[in-house]
């Protein structure tokens, strides 16, 4: 069989431009952490700072902010700091209700 001159020149596949793109699945390595875990720790720290701050000034404003951010931090992976922020925010909002009658 005799090959024509065009058979040897063009050996690439042209259908790849028309085929739909298939994204590869994301795989985390040993040192990689999912984004949710990293975001939960920072959010938990901010929530903990707001909850502690609510003991000293504006307990209902900072307490609610610490409570909400603590809840989101616990959902995103910062479980310990998120829970501490929730408990401290609740304590900071309930404590003035018992102390105010004496002032």
Protein backbone atom coordinates (compact mmCIF):
# COMPACT_ATOMS: atom_id res chain seq x y z
CA UNK A 1 0.00 0.00 0.00
CA UNK A 2 1.27 3.31 -0.99
CA UNK A 3 0.78 6.17 1.47
CA UNK A 4 0.01 9.56 0.17
CA UNK A 5 2.08 12.61 1.16
CA UNK A 6 -0.67 13.90 3.44
CA UNK A 7 -0.69 10.80 5.69
CA UNK A 8 2.79 11.46 7.10
CA UNK A 9 2.45 15.22 7.56
CA UNK A 10 -0.59 15.53 9.79
CA UNK A 11 -0.57 13.16 12.77
CA UNK A 12 -2.26 15.28 15.43
CA UNK A 13 -5.78 14.76 16.68
CA UNK A 14 -8.11 17.67 16.07
CA UNK A 15 -11.18 16.42 17.95
CA UNK A 16 -9.79 17.52 21.32
CA UNK A 17 -10.79 21.12 20.65
CA UNK A 18 -14.40 20.08 20.17
CA UNK A 19 -14.65 17.64 23.09
CA UNK A 20 -16.12 18.95 26.38
CA UNK A 21 -13.62 19.71 29.12
CA UNK A 22 -13.56 17.29 32.04
CA UNK A 23 -12.17 18.83 35.23
CA UNK A 24 -9.90 16.59 37.23
CA UNK A 25 -10.95 15.81 40.81
CA UNK A 26 -9.19 17.84 43.49
CA UNK A 27 -6.86 15.81 45.66
CA UNK A 28 -5.23 17.23 48.77
CA UNK A 29 -1.70 16.27 49.64
CA UNK A 30 -0.35 15.56 53.10
CA UNK A 31 0.46 19.21 53.86
CA UNK A 32 -2.61 20.70 52.21
CA UNK A 33 -5.65 21.53 54.30
CA UNK A 34 -9.11 22.20 52.96
CA UNK A 35 -10.15 25.83 52.91
CA UNK A 36 -12.93 25.22 55.42
CA UNK A 37 -10.50 24.22 58.19
CA UNK A 38 -8.25 27.21 57.67
CA UNK A 39 -11.16 29.66 57.63
CA UNK A 40 -12.71 28.24 60.79
CA UNK A 41 -9.64 28.85 62.93
CA UNK A 42 -9.30 32.51 62.02
CA UNK A 43 -13.02 33.11 62.35
CA UNK A 44 -12.98 31.35 65.72
CA UNK A 45 -10.20 33.61 66.95
CA UNK A 46 -12.13 36.74 65.95
CA UNK A 47 -15.27 35.35 67.62
CA UNK A 48 -13.33 34.57 70.80
CA UNK A 49 -11.88 38.10 70.92
CA UNK A 50 -15.35 39.63 70.46
CA UNK A 51 -16.81 37.38 73.16
CA UNK A 52 -14.12 38.31 75.67
CA UNK A 53 -14.47 41.98 74.74
CA UNK A 54 -18.22 41.74 75.40
CA UNK A 55 -17.52 41.21 79.12
CA UNK A 56 -16.13 44.75 79.36
CA UNK A 57 -18.01 46.92 76.84
CA UNK A 58 -21.33 46.58 75.00
CA UNK A 59 -22.19 43.02 76.05
CA UNK A 60 -25.23 42.67 73.81
CA UNK A 61 -23.59 44.01 70.64
CA UNK A 62 -20.27 42.19 70.93
CA UNK A 63 -21.93 39.18 72.55
CA UNK A 64 -24.28 38.62 69.63
CA UNK A 65 -21.43 39.14 67.15
CA UNK A 66 -19.24 36.66 69.05
CA UNK A 67 -22.10 34.19 69.24
CA UNK A 68 -22.84 34.30 65.51
CA UNK A 69 -19.19 34.20 64.46
CA UNK A 70 -18.54 31.38 66.94
CA UNK A 71 -21.34 29.37 65.40
CA UNK A 72 -19.93 29.84 61.90
CA UNK A 73 -16.41 29.04 63.10
CA UNK A 74 -17.59 25.80 64.68
CA UNK A 75 -19.29 24.84 61.41
CA UNK A 76 -16.18 25.60 59.33
CA UNK A 77 -13.75 23.56 61.36
CA UNK A 78 -12.58 25.73 64.27
CA UNK A 79 -14.63 23.72 66.75
CA UNK A 80 -12.78 24.49 69.99
CA UNK A 81 -12.46 28.25 69.53
CA UNK A 82 -15.97 28.47 68.10
CA UNK A 83 -17.51 26.67 71.07
CA UNK A 84 -15.55 28.74 73.58
CA UNK A 85 -16.71 31.90 71.82
CA UNK A 86 -20.34 30.72 71.95
CA UNK A 87 -20.19 29.88 75.67
CA UNK A 88 -18.41 33.10 76.61
CA UNK A 89 -20.82 35.21 74.53
CA UNK A 90 -23.82 33.62 76.23
CA UNK A 91 -22.25 34.20 79.65
CA UNK A 92 -21.44 37.81 78.78
CA UNK A 93 -25.03 38.48 77.72
CA UNK A 94 -26.72 36.68 80.66
CA UNK A 95 -24.44 37.94 83.43
CA UNK A 96 -25.54 41.62 83.23
CA UNK A 97 -29.17 40.55 83.65
CA UNK A 98 -28.32 39.28 87.14
CA UNK A 99 -25.93 42.08 88.12
CA UNK A 100 -27.99 45.13 87.01
CA UNK A 101 -30.66 44.93 89.73
CA UNK A 102 -28.01 45.76 92.35
CA UNK A 103 -26.88 48.96 90.60
